[in-house]
PDB file of N, CA and C in Angstrom:
ATOM      1  N   MET A   1      59.094  -5.061   7.662  1.00  0.00           N
ATOM      2  CA  MET A   1      58.887  -6.576   7.393  1.00  0.00           C
ATOM      3  C   MET A   1      58.026  -7.437   7.682  1.00  0.00           C
ATOM      4  N   THR A   2      58.703  -7.834   8.519  1.00  0.00           N
ATOM      5  CA  THR A   2      57.736  -8.646  10.043  1.00  0.00           C
ATOM      6  C   THR A   2      56.261  -8.163  10.068  1.00  0.00           C
ATOM      7  N   TYR A   3      56.642  -6.773  10.463  1.00  0.00           N
ATOM      8  CA  TYR A   3      55.631  -6.173  11.368  1.00  0.00           C
ATOM      9  C   TYR A   3      54.258  -6.234  10.131  1.00  0.00           C
ATOM     10  N   THR A   4      54.765  -5.615   8.910  1.00  0.00           N
ATOM     11  CA  THR A   4      53.015  -5.355   8.006  1.00  0.00           C
ATOM     12  C   THR A   4      53.890  -6.052   6.718  1.00  0.00           C
ATOM     13  N   THR A   5      54.196  -7.058   6.981  1.00  0.00           N
ATOM     14  CA  THR A   5      54.195  -8.019   5.640  1.00  0.00           C
ATOM     15  C   THR A   5      54.675  -9.430   5.476  1.00  0.00           C
ATOM     16  N   PRO A   6      53.814 -10.338   6.752  1.00  0.00           N
ATOM     17  CA  PRO A   6      54.969 -10.921   7.847  1.00  0.00           C
ATOM     18  C   PRO A   6      55.174 -12.537   6.941  1.00  0.00           C
ATOM     19  N   HIS A   7      54.790 -12.636   5.896  1.00  0.00           N
ATOM     20  CA  HIS A   7      54.746 -13.783   5.370  1.00  0.00           C
ATOM     21  C   HIS A   7      56.326 -13.889   3.800  1.00  0.00           C
ATOM     22  N   ALA A   8      56.476 -12.526   3.529  1.00  0.00           N
ATOM     23  CA  ALA A   8      57.561 -12.058   3.238  1.00  0.00           C
ATOM     24  C   ALA A   8      58.734 -12.336   4.146  1.00  0.00           C
ATOM     25  N   ALA A   9      58.441 -12.153   5.332  1.00  0.00           N
ATOM     26  CA  ALA A   9      59.823 -12.366   6.677  1.00  0.00           C
ATOM     27  C   ALA A   9      60.066 -14.024   7.029  1.00  0.00           C
ATOM     28  N   ALA A  10      59.016 -14.332   6.381  1.00  0.00           N
ATOM     29  CA  ALA A  10      58.864 -15.981   6.438  1.00  0.00           C
ATOM     30  C   ALA A  10      60.144 -16.171   5.188  1.00  0.00           C
ATOM     31  N   ASP A  11      59.094 -15.902   3.979  1.00  0.00           N
ATOM     32  CA  ASP A  11      59.913 -16.077   3.262  1.00  0.00           C
ATOM     33  C   ASP A  11      61.336 -15.937   3.085  1.00  0.00           C
ATOM     34  N   ALA A  12      61.449 -15.010   3.488  1.00  0.00           N
ATOM     35  CA  ALA A  12      63.730 -14.884   3.276  1.00  0.00           C
ATOM     36  C   ALA A  12      64.250 -15.606   4.572  1.00  0.00           C
ATOM     37  N   LEU A  13      63.309 -16.070   5.761  1.00  0.00           N
ATOM     38  CA  LEU A  13      63.542 -17.242   6.917  1.00  0.00           C
ATOM     39  C   LEU A  13      63.639 -18.434   5.636  1.00  0.00           C
ATOM     40  N   HIS A  14      62.420 -18.743   4.946  1.00  0.00           N
ATOM     41  CA  HIS A  14      62.490 -19.576   4.928  1.00  0.00           C
ATOM     42  C   HIS A  14      63.679 -20.168   3.946  1.00  0.00           C
ATOM     43  N   TRP A  15      64.221 -19.214   2.830  1.00  0.00           N
ATOM     44  CA  TRP A  15      65.537 -19.099   1.729  1.00  0.00           C
ATOM     45  C   TRP A  15      66.605 -19.135   3.125  1.00  0.00           C
ATOM     46  N   ARG A  16      66.208 -18.232   4.274  1.00  0.00           N
ATOM     47  CA  ARG A  16      67.569 -18.856   4.174  1.00  0.00           C
ATOM     48  C   ARG A  16      68.444 -20.376   4.988  1.00  0.00           C
ATOM     49  N   ARG A  17      67.187 -20.863   5.346  1.00  0.00           N
ATOM     50  CA  ARG A  17      67.297 -22.252   6.228  1.00  0.00           C
ATOM     51  C   ARG A  17      67.181 -23.113   4.514  1.00  0.00           C
ATOM     52  N   ASP A  18      67.608 -22.882   3.529  1.00  0.00           N
ATOM     53  CA  ASP A  18      67.130 -23.452   2.674  1.00  0.00           C
ATOM     54  C   ASP A  18      68.550 -23.220   2.139  1.00  0.00           C
ATOM     55  N   THR A  19      69.709 -22.475   2.298  1.00  0.00           N
ATOM     56  CA  THR A  19      70.995 -22.025   1.834  1.00  0.00           C
ATOM     57  C   THR A  19      71.582 -22.391   3.250  1.00  0.00           C
ATOM     58  N   LEU A  20      70.809 -23.394   4.698  1.00  0.00           N
ATOM     59  CA  LEU A  20      71.670 -23.486   5.667  1.00  0.00           C
ATOM     60  C   LEU A  20      73.361 -24.539   5.480  1.00  0.00           C
ATOM     61  N   GLU A  21      73.211 -25.367   4.671  1.00  0.00           N
ATOM     62  CA  GLU A  21      74.621 -26.199   4.537  1.00  0.00           C
ATOM     63  C   GLU A  21      74.875 -25.540   3.473  1.00  0.00           C
ATOM     64  N   LEU A  22      74.666 -24.415   3.350  1.00  0.00           N
ATOM     65  CA  LEU A  22      76.251 -23.415   2.395  1.00  0.00           C
ATOM     66  C   LEU A  22      76.553 -22.753   3.542  1.00  0.00           C
ATOM     67  N   ALA A  23      75.686 -22.494   4.687  1.00  0.00           N
ATOM     68  CA  ALA A  23      76.156 -21.296   5.820  1.00  0.00           C
ATOM     69  C   ALA A  23      77.081 -22.302   6.747  1.00  0.00           C
ATOM     70  N   GLN A  24      77.120 -23.189   6.276  1.00  0.00           N
ATOM     71  CA  GLN A  24      78.010 -24.635   7.414  1.00  0.00           C
ATOM     72  C   GLN A  24      78.805 -25.019   6.489  1.00  0.00           C
ATOM     73  N   ALA A  25      79.102 -24.957   5.698  1.00  0.00           N
ATOM     74  CA  ALA A  25      80.344 -25.420   4.972  1.00  0.00           C
ATOM     75  C   ALA A  25      81.552 -24.227   5.364  1.00  0.00           C
ATOM     76  N   ARG A  26      80.618 -23.087   5.059  1.00  0.00           N
ATOM     77  CA  ARG A  26      81.452 -21.549   4.969  1.00  0.00           C
ATOM     78  C   ARG A  26      82.389 -21.664   6.601  1.00  0.00           C
ATOM     79  N   ALA A  27      81.006 -21.722   7.861  1.00  0.00           N
ATOM     80  CA  ALA A  27      81.781 -21.744   8.533  1.00  0.00           C
ATOM     81  C   ALA A  27      83.112 -23.527   8.718  1.00  0.00           C
ATOM     82  N   GLY A  28      83.055 -23.838   8.524  1.00  0.00           N
ATOM     83  CA  GLY A  28      84.103 -25.234   8.470  1.00  0.00           C
ATOM     84  C   GLY A  28      84.782 -24.546   7.959  1.00  0.00           C
ATOM     85  N   GLN A  29      84.647 -23.996   6.937  1.00  0.00           N
ATOM     86  CA  GLN A  29      85.894 -22.825   5.562  1.00  0.00           C
ATOM     87  C   GLN A  29      87.115 -22.590   6.823  1.00  0.00           C
ATOM     88  N   LEU A  30      86.160 -21.551   7.820  1.00  0.00           N
ATOM     89  CA  LEU A  30      86.910 -20.629   8.832  1.00  0.00           C
ATOM     90  C   LEU A  30      87.184 -21.222   9.456  1.00  0.00           C
ATOM     91  N   GLY A  31      87.012 -22.887  10.146  1.00  0.00           N
ATOM     92  CA  GLY A  31      87.210 -23.088  11.487  1.00  0.00           C
ATOM     93  C   GLY A  31      86.378 -23.026  12.246  1.00  0.00           C
ATOM     94  N   LEU A  32      84.755 -23.150  12.407  1.00  0.00           N
ATOM     95  CA  LEU A  32      84.372 -23.006  13.310  1.00  0.00           C
ATOM     96  C   LEU A  32      83.214 -23.622  12.477  1.00  0.00           C
ATOM     97  N   ARG A  33      82.226 -23.833  13.424  1.00  0.00           N
ATOM     98  CA  ARG A  33      81.254 -24.888  14.283  1.00  0.00           C
ATOM     99  C   ARG A  33      80.143 -23.925  13.030  1.00  0.00           C
ATOM    100  N   GLY A  34      78.724 -24.670  13.301  1.00  0.00           N
ATOM    101  CA  GLY A  34      77.610 -24.036  13.007  1.00  0.00           C
ATOM    102  C   GLY A  34      77.512 -22.872  11.065  1.00  0.00           C
ATOM    103  N   ALA A  35      76.521 -21.925  11.478  1.00  0.00           N
ATOM    104  CA  ALA A  35      76.323 -21.429  10.651  1.00  0.00           C
ATOM    105  C   ALA A  35      76.659 -20.268  10.549  1.00  0.00           C
ATOM    106  N   ALA A  36      77.833 -20.096   9.193  1.00  0.00           N
ATOM    107  CA  ALA A  36      78.299 -18.520   9.196  1.00  0.00           C
ATOM    108  C   ALA A  36      77.473 -17.770   7.531  1.00  0.00           C
ATOM    109  N   PHE A  37      76.820 -17.341   7.530  1.00  0.00           N
ATOM    110  CA  PHE A  37      75.699 -17.004   7.214  1.00  0.00           C
ATOM    111  C   PHE A  37      76.750 -15.569   5.270  1.00  0.00           C
ATOM    112  N   PRO A  38      76.735 -15.646   4.849  1.00  0.00           N
ATOM    113  CA  PRO A  38      77.405 -14.504   4.417  1.00  0.00           C
ATOM    114  C   PRO A  38      76.874 -13.486   4.238  1.00  0.00           C
ATOM    115  N   TRP A  39      77.914 -12.041   3.765  1.00  0.00           N
ATOM    116  CA  TRP A  39      77.070 -10.449   4.782  1.00  0.00           C
ATOM    117  C   TRP A  39      76.721 -10.928   3.176  1.00  0.00           C
ATOM    118  N   ARG A  40      77.390 -10.934   1.798  1.00  0.00           N
ATOM    119  CA  ARG A  40      77.626 -10.805   0.635  1.00  0.00           C
ATOM    120  C   ARG A  40      76.274 -12.140  -0.031  1.00  0.00           C
ATOM    121  N   THR A  41      75.409 -11.926  -0.960  1.00  0.00           N
ATOM    122  CA  THR A  41      75.053 -13.239  -1.076  1.00  0.00           C
ATOM    123  C   THR A  41      74.164 -13.459  -2.718  1.00  0.00           C
ATOM    124  N   ILE A  42      74.078 -14.366  -3.763  1.00  0.00           N
ATOM    125  CA  ILE A  42      73.205 -14.079  -4.643  1.00  0.00           C
ATOM    126  C   ILE A  42      72.606 -16.150  -4.521  1.00  0.00           C
ATOM    127  N   ASP A  43      73.432 -16.394  -4.439  1.00  0.00           N
ATOM    128  CA  ASP A  43      72.667 -18.080  -4.512  1.00  0.00           C
ATOM    129  C   ASP A  43      73.078 -18.686  -2.750  1.00  0.00           C
ATOM    130  N   GLY A  44      72.894 -18.299  -2.346  1.00  0.00           N
ATOM    131  CA  GLY A  44      73.728 -18.329  -0.686  1.00  0.00           C
ATOM    132  C   GLY A  44      75.228 -18.837   0.116  1.00  0.00           C
ATOM    133  N   GLU A  45      76.525 -18.614  -1.041  1.00  0.00           N
ATOM    134  CA  GLU A  45      77.558 -18.362  -0.839  1.00  0.00           C
ATOM    135  C   GLU A  45      78.219 -17.178  -1.471  1.00  0.00           C
ATOM    136  N   GLU A  46      79.174 -17.048  -0.219  1.00  0.00           N
ATOM    137  CA  GLU A  46      79.462 -15.447   0.142  1.00  0.00           C
ATOM    138  C   GLU A  46      79.899 -15.144  -1.519  1.00  0.00           C
ATOM    139  N   CYS A  47      80.169 -13.708  -1.652  1.00  0.00           N
ATOM    140  CA  CYS A  47      80.276 -13.512  -2.606  1.00  0.00           C
ATOM    141  C   CYS A  47      80.990 -12.010  -2.545  1.00  0.00           C
ATOM    142  N   SER A  48      81.446 -11.992  -1.729  1.00  0.00           N
ATOM    143  CA  SER A  48      82.159 -10.689  -0.869  1.00  0.00           C
ATOM    144  C   SER A  48      83.611 -10.542  -1.504  1.00  0.00           C
ATOM    145  N   GLY A  49      83.806  -9.200  -2.757  1.00  0.00           N
ATOM    146  CA  GLY A  49      84.608  -9.276  -3.354  1.00  0.00           C
ATOM    147  C   GLY A  49      86.313  -8.985  -1.376  1.00  0.00           C
ATOM    148  N   TYR A  50      85.355  -8.396  -0.981  1.00  0.00           N
ATOM    149  CA  TYR A  50      85.965  -7.428   0.605  1.00  0.00           C
ATOM    150  C   TYR A  50      86.108  -8.787   1.577  1.00  0.00           C
ATOM    151  N   TRP A  51      87.975  -9.491   1.777  1.00  0.00           N
ATOM    152  CA  TRP A  51      88.105 -10.612   2.800  1.00  0.00           C
ATOM    153  C   TRP A  51      87.557 -10.039   3.634  1.00  0.00           C
ATOM    154  N   PRO A  52      88.286  -8.939   4.226  1.00  0.00           N
ATOM    155  CA  PRO A  52      87.369  -8.289   5.707  1.00  0.00           C
ATOM    156  C   PRO A  52      85.978  -8.899   5.664  1.00  0.00           C
ATOM    157  N   ALA A  53      85.535  -8.830   5.167  1.00  0.00           N
ATOM    158  CA  ALA A  53      83.179  -8.871   5.317  1.00  0.00           C
ATOM    159  C   ALA A  53      83.275 -10.135   5.138  1.00  0.00           C
ATOM    160  N   GLY A  54      84.132 -10.584   4.124  1.00  0.00           N
ATOM    161  CA  GLY A  54      83.271 -12.290   3.587  1.00  0.00           C
ATOM    162  C   GLY A  54      83.655 -12.982   4.804  1.00  0.00           C
ATOM    163  N   THR A  55      84.926 -13.048   5.797  1.00  0.00           N
ATOM    164  CA  THR A  55      85.288 -13.629   6.983  1.00  0.00           C
ATOM    165  C   THR A  55      84.689 -13.683   8.407  1.00  0.00           C
ATOM    166  N   ALA A  56      84.449 -11.919   8.691  1.00  0.00           N
ATOM    167  CA  ALA A  56      84.250 -11.619   9.798  1.00  0.00           C
ATOM    168  C   ALA A  56      82.816 -11.134   9.694  1.00  0.00           C
ATOM    169  N   ALA A  57      81.608 -11.238   9.424  1.00  0.00           N
ATOM    170  CA  ALA A  57      80.429 -10.110   9.296  1.00  0.00           C
ATOM    171  C   ALA A  57      79.761 -11.197   9.962  1.00  0.00           C
ATOM    172  N   PHE A  58      79.787 -11.685  11.341  1.00  0.00           N
ATOM    173  CA  PHE A  58      78.929 -12.291  11.696  1.00  0.00           C
ATOM    174  C   PHE A  58      78.283 -11.511  12.699  1.00  0.00           C
ATOM    175  N   HIS A  59      77.363 -10.606  12.585  1.00  0.00           N
ATOM    176  CA  HIS A  59      76.538  -9.681  12.751  1.00  0.00           C
ATOM    177  C   HIS A  59      75.822 -10.586  11.876  1.00  0.00           C
ATOM    178  N   VAL A  60      75.659 -10.475  10.525  1.00  0.00           N
ATOM    179  CA  VAL A  60      74.854 -11.202   9.913  1.00  0.00           C
ATOM    180  C   VAL A  60      74.027 -12.406  10.851  1.00  0.00           C
ATOM    181  N   ASN A  61      74.540 -12.978  11.522  1.00  0.00           N
ATOM    182  CA  ASN A  61      74.186 -14.337  11.965  1.00  0.00           C
ATOM    183  C   ASN A  61      72.934 -13.641  13.443  1.00  0.00           C
ATOM    184  N   ALA A  62      73.194 -12.117  13.664  1.00  0.00           N
ATOM    185  CA  ALA A  62      73.067 -11.974  15.179  1.00  0.00           C
ATOM    186  C   ALA A  62      71.544 -11.888  14.424  1.00  0.00           C
ATOM    187  N   ASP A  63      71.867 -10.772  13.108  1.00  0.00           N
ATOM    188  CA  ASP A  63      70.410 -10.321  12.447  1.00  0.00           C
ATOM    189  C   ASP A  63      69.583 -11.626  12.211  1.00  0.00           C
ATOM    190  N   ILE A  64      70.159 -12.719  11.837  1.00  0.00           N
ATOM    191  CA  ILE A  64      68.790 -13.641  11.444  1.00  0.00           C
ATOM    192  C   ILE A  64      68.091 -14.695  12.670  1.00  0.00           C
ATOM    193  N   ALA A  65      69.148 -14.301  13.398  1.00  0.00           N
ATOM    194  CA  ALA A  65      68.181 -14.590  14.777  1.00  0.00           C
ATOM    195  C   ALA A  65      67.626 -13.960  15.227  1.00  0.00           C
ATOM    196  N   ASP A  66      67.568 -12.701  15.469  1.00  0.00           N
ATOM    197  CA  ASP A  66      66.584 -11.933  15.427  1.00  0.00           C
ATOM    198  C   ASP A  66      65.203 -11.683  14.747  1.00  0.00           C
ATOM    199  N   ALA A  67      65.992 -11.949  13.640  1.00  0.00           N
ATOM    200  CA  ALA A  67      64.484 -12.477  12.350  1.00  0.00           C
ATOM    201  C   ALA A  67      63.648 -13.482  13.401  1.00  0.00           C
ATOM    202  N   VAL A  68      64.837 -14.023  13.386  1.00  0.00           N
ATOM    203  CA  VAL A  68      63.565 -15.773  13.600  1.00  0.00           C
ATOM    204  C   VAL A  68      62.471 -14.908  15.112  1.00  0.00           C
ATOM    205  N   VAL A  69      63.348 -14.593  16.106  1.00  0.00           N
ATOM    206  CA  VAL A  69      62.258 -14.305  17.274  1.00  0.00           C
ATOM    207  C   VAL A  69      61.732 -12.907  16.773  1.00  0.00           C
ATOM    208  N   ARG A  70      61.566 -12.429  16.371  1.00  0.00           N
ATOM    209  CA  ARG A  70      60.790 -11.301  16.081  1.00  0.00           C
ATOM    210  C   ARG A  70      59.195 -11.565  15.145  1.00  0.00           C
ATOM    211  N   TYR A  71      59.675 -12.810  14.620  1.00  0.00           N
ATOM    212  CA  TYR A  71      58.779 -13.404  13.525  1.00  0.00           C
ATOM    213  C   TYR A  71      58.146 -14.099  14.452  1.00  0.00           C
ATOM    214  N   GLN A  72      58.344 -15.219  14.912  1.00  0.00           N
ATOM    215  CA  GLN A  72      57.377 -16.248  16.031  1.00  0.00           C
ATOM    216  C   GLN A  72      56.834 -14.776  16.498  1.00  0.00           C
ATOM    217  N   ALA A  73      57.478 -13.953  16.894  1.00  0.00           N
ATOM    218  CA  ALA A  73      56.471 -13.044  18.477  1.00  0.00           C
ATOM    219  C   ALA A  73      55.804 -12.444  17.983  1.00  0.00           C
ATOM    220  N   ALA A  74      55.242 -12.223  16.212  1.00  0.00           N
ATOM    221  CA  ALA A  74      54.806 -11.052  15.645  1.00  0.00           C
ATOM    222  C   ALA A  74      54.287 -12.116  15.009  1.00  0.00           C
ATOM    223  N   ALA A  75      54.267 -13.173  13.956  1.00  0.00           N
ATOM    224  CA  ALA A  75      52.871 -13.782  12.936  1.00  0.00           C
ATOM    225  C   ALA A  75      52.444 -14.882  13.891  1.00  0.00           C
ATOM    226  N   ASP A  76      50.923 -14.604  13.381  1.00  0.00           N
ATOM    227  CA  ASP A  76      50.426 -16.394  13.578  1.00  0.00           C
ATOM    228  C   ASP A  76      50.284 -17.377  13.012  1.00  0.00           C
ATOM    229  N   ASP A  77      51.571 -17.786  13.173  1.00  0.00           N
ATOM    230  CA  ASP A  77      51.839 -18.610  12.102  1.00  0.00           C
ATOM    231  C   ASP A  77      51.852 -20.457  13.371  1.00  0.00           C
ATOM    232  N   ASP A  78      50.741 -20.639  11.933  1.00  0.00           N
ATOM    233  CA  ASP A  78      51.039 -22.442  12.685  1.00  0.00           C
ATOM    234  C   ASP A  78      51.443 -23.306  12.124  1.00  0.00           C
ATOM    235  N   SER A  79      52.362 -22.638  11.248  1.00  0.00           N
ATOM    236  CA  SER A  79      52.706 -23.686   9.757  1.00  0.00           C
ATOM    237  C   SER A  79      53.706 -24.797  10.151  1.00  0.00           C
ATOM    238  N   GLY A  80      54.159 -24.837  11.402  1.00  0.00           N
ATOM    239  CA  GLY A  80      54.683 -25.274  11.802  1.00  0.00           C
ATOM    240  C   GLY A  80      56.447 -24.518  11.545  1.00  0.00           C
ATOM    241  N   PHE A  81      56.409 -22.794  10.882  1.00  0.00           N
ATOM    242  CA  PHE A  81      58.087 -22.539  10.877  1.00  0.00           C
ATOM    243  C   PHE A  81      58.435 -23.063  12.732  1.00  0.00           C
ATOM    244  N   GLU A  82      58.469 -22.626  13.777  1.00  0.00           N
ATOM    245  CA  GLU A  82      59.177 -22.612  14.616  1.00  0.00           C
ATOM    246  C   GLU A  82      59.689 -24.048  14.742  1.00  0.00           C
ATOM    247  N   ARG A  83      59.625 -24.866  14.487  1.00  0.00           N
ATOM    248  CA  ARG A  83      60.399 -26.639  14.407  1.00  0.00           C
ATOM    249  C   ARG A  83      60.683 -26.504  13.660  1.00  0.00           C
ATOM    250  N   ASP A  84      60.555 -25.809  11.599  1.00  0.00           N
ATOM    251  CA  ASP A  84      61.123 -26.558  11.340  1.00  0.00           C
ATOM    252  C   ASP A  84      61.573 -25.816  10.117  1.00  0.00           C
ATOM    253  N   THR A  85      62.464 -24.609  10.373  1.00  0.00           N
ATOM    254  CA  THR A  85      63.148 -23.291  10.380  1.00  0.00           C
ATOM    255  C   THR A  85      63.441 -22.131  11.888  1.00  0.00           C
ATOM    256  N   GLY A  86      62.444 -22.038  12.157  1.00  0.00           N
ATOM    257  CA  GLY A  86      62.880 -20.791  13.163  1.00  0.00           C
ATOM    258  C   GLY A  86      64.491 -21.689  14.174  1.00  0.00           C
ATOM    259  N   LEU A  87      63.405 -23.019  14.524  1.00  0.00           N
ATOM    260  CA  LEU A  87      64.843 -23.676  15.620  1.00  0.00           C
ATOM    261  C   LEU A  87      66.171 -23.917  15.126  1.00  0.00           C
ATOM    262  N   GLU A  88      65.840 -24.767  13.964  1.00  0.00           N
ATOM    263  CA  GLU A  88      67.464 -24.604  13.230  1.00  0.00           C
ATOM    264  C   GLU A  88      68.309 -23.548  12.704  1.00  0.00           C
ATOM    265  N   LEU A  89      67.735 -22.837  12.655  1.00  0.00           N
ATOM    266  CA  LEU A  89      68.665 -21.380  12.255  1.00  0.00           C
ATOM    267  C   LEU A  89      68.999 -20.759  13.912  1.00  0.00           C
ATOM    268  N   LEU A  90      67.943 -20.804  14.572  1.00  0.00           N
ATOM    269  CA  LEU A  90      68.535 -20.885  16.075  1.00  0.00           C
ATOM    270  C   LEU A  90      69.312 -21.443  16.623  1.00  0.00           C
ATOM    271  N   VAL A  91      69.901 -22.575  16.273  1.00  0.00           N
ATOM    272  CA  VAL A  91      70.928 -23.558  16.978  1.00  0.00           C
ATOM    273  C   VAL A  91      71.857 -23.496  16.286  1.00  0.00           C
ATOM    274  N   GLU A  92      72.104 -22.917  14.727  1.00  0.00           N
ATOM    275  CA  GLU A  92      73.350 -23.213  14.081  1.00  0.00           C
ATOM    276  C   GLU A  92      73.554 -21.512  14.361  1.00  0.00           C
ATOM    277  N   THR A  93      73.019 -21.027  14.467  1.00  0.00           N
ATOM    278  CA  THR A  93      73.416 -19.686  14.575  1.00  0.00           C
ATOM    279  C   THR A  93      73.837 -19.703  16.310  1.00  0.00           C
ATOM    280  N   ALA A  94      73.694 -19.906  16.925  1.00  0.00           N
ATOM    281  CA  ALA A  94      74.087 -19.954  18.075  1.00  0.00           C
ATOM    282  C   ALA A  94      75.278 -21.057  18.303  1.00  0.00           C
ATOM    283  N   ARG A  95      75.308 -22.239  17.330  1.00  0.00           N
ATOM    284  CA  ARG A  95      77.132 -22.852  16.804  1.00  0.00           C
ATOM    285  C   ARG A  95      78.109 -22.048  16.945  1.00  0.00           C
ATOM    286  N   LEU A  96      77.783 -21.032  16.515  1.00  0.00           N
ATOM    287  CA  LEU A  96      79.233 -20.485  15.336  1.00  0.00           C
ATOM    288  C   LEU A  96      79.195 -19.204  16.497  1.00  0.00           C
ATOM    289  N   TRP A  97      78.331 -19.003  17.825  1.00  0.00           N
ATOM    290  CA  TRP A  97      78.700 -17.525  18.700  1.00  0.00           C
ATOM    291  C   TRP A  97      79.312 -18.633  19.250  1.00  0.00           C
ATOM    292  N   ARG A  98      78.975 -20.068  20.065  1.00  0.00           N
ATOM    293  CA  ARG A  98      79.613 -20.781  20.701  1.00  0.00           C
ATOM    294  C   ARG A  98      81.270 -21.436  20.614  1.00  0.00           C
ATOM    295  N   SER A  99      81.775 -21.313  19.058  1.00  0.00           N
ATOM    296  CA  SER A  99      83.213 -21.844  18.277  1.00  0.00           C
ATOM    297  C   SER A  99      83.704 -20.220  18.397  1.00  0.00           C
ATOM    298  N   LEU A 100      83.162 -19.000  18.368  1.00  0.00           N
ATOM    299  CA  LEU A 100      84.103 -18.175  18.578  1.00  0.00           C
ATOM    300  C   LEU A 100      84.292 -17.548  20.040  1.00  0.00           C
ATOM    301  N   ALA A 101      83.451 -18.010  20.939  1.00  0.00           N
ATOM    302  CA  ALA A 101      84.149 -17.752  21.692  1.00  0.00           C
ATOM    303  C   ALA A 101      85.499 -18.874  22.664  1.00  0.00           C
ATOM    304  N   THR A 102      85.735 -17.972  23.567  1.00  0.00           N
ATOM    305  CA  THR A 102      87.057 -18.558  23.761  1.00  0.00           C
ATOM    306  C   THR A 102      86.866 -18.395  25.463  1.00  0.00           C
ATOM    307  N   THR A 103      87.266 -19.602  26.096  1.00  0.00           N
ATOM    308  CA  THR A 103      87.142 -20.481  27.772  1.00  0.00           C
ATOM    309  C   THR A 103      88.443 -19.641  27.724  1.00  0.00           C
ATOM    310  N   THR A 104      89.123 -19.602  27.201  1.00  0.00           N
ATOM    311  CA  THR A 104      91.230 -19.303  27.559  1.00  0.00           C
ATOM    312  C   THR A 104      91.438 -17.964  28.134  1.00  0.00           C
ATOM    313  N   PRO A 105      91.665 -17.255  29.259  1.00  0.00           N
ATOM    314  CA  PRO A 105      91.622 -16.398  30.296  1.00  0.00           C
ATOM    315  C   PRO A 105      93.095 -16.004  29.278  1.00  0.00           C
ATOM    316  N   PRO A 106      92.951 -14.570  29.321  1.00  0.00           N
ATOM    317  CA  PRO A 106      94.049 -13.441  28.847  1.00  0.00           C
ATOM    318  C   PRO A 106      95.162 -13.813  28.845  1.00  0.00           C
ATOM    319  N   ASP A 107      95.428 -14.294  30.236  1.00  0.00           N
ATOM    320  CA  ASP A 107      97.133 -14.864  30.958  1.00  0.00           C
ATOM    321  C   ASP A 107      97.265 -16.411  30.053  1.00  0.00           C
ATOM    322  N   GLY A 108      96.137 -16.860  29.874  1.00  0.00           N
ATOM    323  CA  GLY A 108      96.563 -17.701  29.403  1.00  0.00           C
ATOM    324  C   GLY A 108      96.613 -19.580  30.555  1.00  0.00           C
ATOM    325  N   SER A 109      96.487 -19.129  31.246  1.00  0.00           N
ATOM    326  CA  SER A 109      96.349 -20.124  31.696  1.00  0.00           C
ATOM    327  C   SER A 109      95.190 -21.022  31.811  1.00  0.00           C
ATOM    328  N   ALA A 110      95.508 -22.260  32.637  1.00  0.00           N
ATOM    329  CA  ALA A 110      94.622 -23.393  31.779  1.00  0.00           C
ATOM    330  C   ALA A 110      92.664 -22.555  32.273  1.00  0.00           C
ATOM    331  N   SER A 111      91.988 -22.908  32.020  1.00  0.00           N
ATOM    332  CA  SER A 111      90.493 -22.314  31.963  1.00  0.00           C
ATOM    333  C   SER A 111      89.508 -23.918  33.076  1.00  0.00           C
ATOM    334  N   THR A 112      88.866 -22.965  33.758  1.00  0.00           N
ATOM    335  CA  THR A 112      88.022 -23.709  34.552  1.00  0.00           C
ATOM    336  C   THR A 112      86.371 -23.792  34.093  1.00  0.00           C
ATOM    337  N   ALA A 113      86.725 -23.291  32.588  1.00  0.00           N
ATOM    338  CA  ALA A 113      84.888 -23.235  32.209  1.00  0.00           C
ATOM    339  C   ALA A 113      84.881 -25.047  31.262  1.00  0.00           C
TER     340      ALA A 113
END
């Protein structure tokens, strides 16, 4: 879609930006920072009845971040997408990944990170 109908890709990413507050609230419910975008949704809220998918489908965030980067590389968009939509999506998905990471070594000793 990014390469054949970039305006449709932009519309999808703008929609994700419009649902960002819901994704941030979902991350908070899961004890995480950033935005946890839903695996299944109609209106921006997770609507999967399958518990593991609704709480561990963090790959969706990677897909959204990848879509932002691909769109920015492929589209000749001077509308402010990078500043108004792309940057915020990238920052909030990165915050989720950071909050999923651990700096505690497997042996439980104090981290120096």
